[in-house]
Structure formats: structure tokens, C-alpha cells
Amino acid sequence: MTQELGYKISETNFRTREGEIDIVAVDNGTQVFIEVKTRTNRGFGSGVEQISTRKAQRLQVTAQPYLAEHGLDDAEWRIDLLSVEMSRSGRVDHIEHIPSANEEQL
């Protein structure tokens, strides 16, 4: 999905004491930190609905060490969300992409 969007993946599963970011990518010079939520059952809501305020804050805090480690303190950055809904057989039924979720959702 990220390559279909034209993103260049820099790293996956970036971890710090504060948390983990599933995918780090670049979109037209902007650093993008992507949280991926996969669900096989909507009984608990969509993947996007599963992002708590606390998790959103942790994502923002976790992005900071990545930026610092890579000399990107002044870089443009954002957090995107990907919600992947799958059937029980493992088939992807739906993908929802929410760019700039740190401004709109979080």
C-alpha cells in the first residue's frame, strides 16, 4: 500500500522506550510515521477507531527520537494511519488510509 501511494519506506518496526512505529517512510520529502491496525472483526470497531488518545500521543513522542537519530529535527513530518480489514481466511477486504492523522484524528 505504501508503495502504491508513492511512499519510500525507510524502516519498519522502529522501537524506542516510548513505543513502536510500524512503518517510517518518505512522501515527497516529508517524513511519514505510519501506524497500521489490522482487524478481522469489526465487533470492536475499525482499526482507526482503536487508536486511543494515549496511543496517538505515544506515536508523536516515538517519532522524535527517529527524527533526532537521522538528523531530521527540522524536517516536515506527519503521522498516517492505515486500517486493514481482513477476512478470517486472510484476504484483505478493505484498506483505509488517513494521511496527516496527527492533525486530523489525533
Protein backbone atom coordinates (compact mmCIF):
# COMPACT_ATOMS: atom_id res chain seq x y z
CA MET A 1 0.00 0.00 0.00
CA THR A 2 2.73 2.49 0.90
CA GLN A 3 4.46 1.92 -2.42
CA GLU A 4 1.14 2.34 -4.24
CA LEU A 5 0.93 5.73 -2.56
CA GLY A 6 4.40 6.60 -3.84
CA TYR A 7 6.00 6.49 -0.38
CA LYS A 8 9.59 5.31 0.01
CA ILE A 9 9.87 3.02 3.02
CA SER A 10 12.86 3.88 5.23
CA GLU A 11 12.33 1.49 8.12
CA THR A 12 9.81 -0.86 9.69
CA ASN A 13 9.11 -1.58 13.35
CA PHE A 14 11.12 1.37 14.72
CA ARG A 15 11.25 0.90 18.51
CA THR A 16 12.11 3.13 21.43
CA ARG A 17 11.30 3.01 25.15
CA GLU A 18 8.25 5.12 24.38
CA GLY A 19 6.76 2.77 21.79
CA GLU A 20 6.93 1.44 18.26
CA ILE A 21 6.17 2.88 14.85
CA ASP A 22 5.12 0.28 12.30
CA ILE A 23 6.44 1.98 9.15
CA VAL A 24 8.68 5.00 8.61
CA ALA A 25 8.52 6.35 5.06
CA VAL A 26 9.13 9.46 2.98
CA ASP A 27 6.44 11.14 0.90
CA ASN A 28 7.69 13.99 -1.30
CA GLY A 29 10.35 14.93 1.24
CA THR A 30 8.05 14.63 4.26
CA GLN A 31 8.83 12.02 6.91
CA VAL A 32 5.76 9.85 7.45
CA PHE A 33 5.27 7.68 10.53
CA ILE A 34 2.60 5.09 9.80
CA GLU A 35 0.54 3.20 12.36
CA VAL A 36 -1.04 0.07 10.92
CA LYS A 37 -4.09 -1.51 12.54
CA THR A 38 -5.28 -4.85 11.21
CA ARG A 39 -8.66 -6.28 12.12
CA THR A 40 -10.55 -9.44 11.20
CA ASN A 41 -13.64 -8.49 13.16
CA ARG A 42 -15.41 -5.12 13.24
CA GLY A 43 -17.06 -6.04 16.54
CA PHE A 44 -14.55 -3.81 18.29
CA GLY A 45 -14.67 -1.08 15.63
CA SER A 46 -12.37 -0.33 12.74
CA GLY A 47 -8.62 -0.21 13.18
CA VAL A 48 -8.71 3.58 13.13
CA GLU A 49 -11.26 3.60 15.95
CA GLN A 50 -8.84 1.55 18.04
CA ILE A 51 -6.29 4.39 18.24
CA SER A 52 -6.64 5.88 21.70
CA THR A 53 -5.53 9.38 22.63
CA ARG A 54 -2.75 7.83 24.68
CA LYS A 55 -1.53 5.77 21.69
CA ALA A 56 -1.68 8.87 19.49
CA GLN A 57 0.48 10.80 21.95
CA ARG A 58 2.91 7.86 22.17
CA LEU A 59 3.26 7.84 18.37
CA GLN A 60 4.13 11.53 18.39
CA VAL A 61 6.68 11.04 21.19
CA THR A 62 8.18 7.99 19.46
CA ALA A 63 8.71 9.93 16.23
CA GLN A 64 11.01 12.43 17.94
CA PRO A 65 13.98 10.05 18.56
CA TYR A 66 13.79 8.84 14.95
CA LEU A 67 13.99 12.41 13.71
CA ALA A 68 16.89 13.18 16.06
CA GLU A 69 18.83 10.00 15.21
CA HIS A 70 18.60 10.75 11.50
CA GLY A 71 19.41 14.48 11.67
CA LEU A 72 15.85 15.41 10.74
CA ASP A 73 14.98 17.70 13.67
CA ASP A 74 13.78 20.43 11.31
CA ALA A 75 12.11 18.11 8.79
CA GLU A 76 8.44 18.21 7.90
CA TRP A 77 6.72 15.15 9.33
CA ARG A 78 3.33 13.65 9.96
CA ILE A 79 1.58 10.54 11.21
CA ASP A 80 -0.61 8.49 8.86
CA LEU A 81 -2.93 5.67 9.81
CA LEU A 82 -3.62 2.53 7.80
CA SER A 83 -6.59 0.41 8.80
CA VAL A 84 -6.56 -3.03 7.19
CA GLU A 85 -9.64 -5.21 7.39
CA MET A 86 -9.12 -8.87 6.58
CA SER A 87 -11.37 -11.86 6.24
CA ARG A 88 -10.80 -14.82 8.52
CA SER A 89 -9.18 -16.60 5.56
CA GLY A 90 -6.53 -13.85 5.36
CA ARG A 91 -7.88 -11.96 2.34
CA VAL A 92 -7.63 -8.17 2.54
CA ASP A 93 -11.18 -6.82 2.31
CA HIS A 94 -10.61 -3.10 2.83
CA ILE A 95 -7.78 -0.64 3.43
CA GLU A 96 -8.41 2.84 4.76
CA HIS A 97 -5.59 5.41 4.64
CA ILE A 98 -5.79 8.53 6.74
CA PRO A 99 -2.92 10.93 5.98
CA SER A 100 -1.90 13.62 8.47
CA ALA A 101 -3.73 11.85 11.26
CA ASN A 102 -1.65 13.73 13.83
CA GLU A 103 -3.50 16.87 12.74
CA GLU A 104 -6.95 15.50 11.96
CA GLN A 105 -7.51 12.38 14.08
CA LEU A 106 -5.08 12.52 16.96
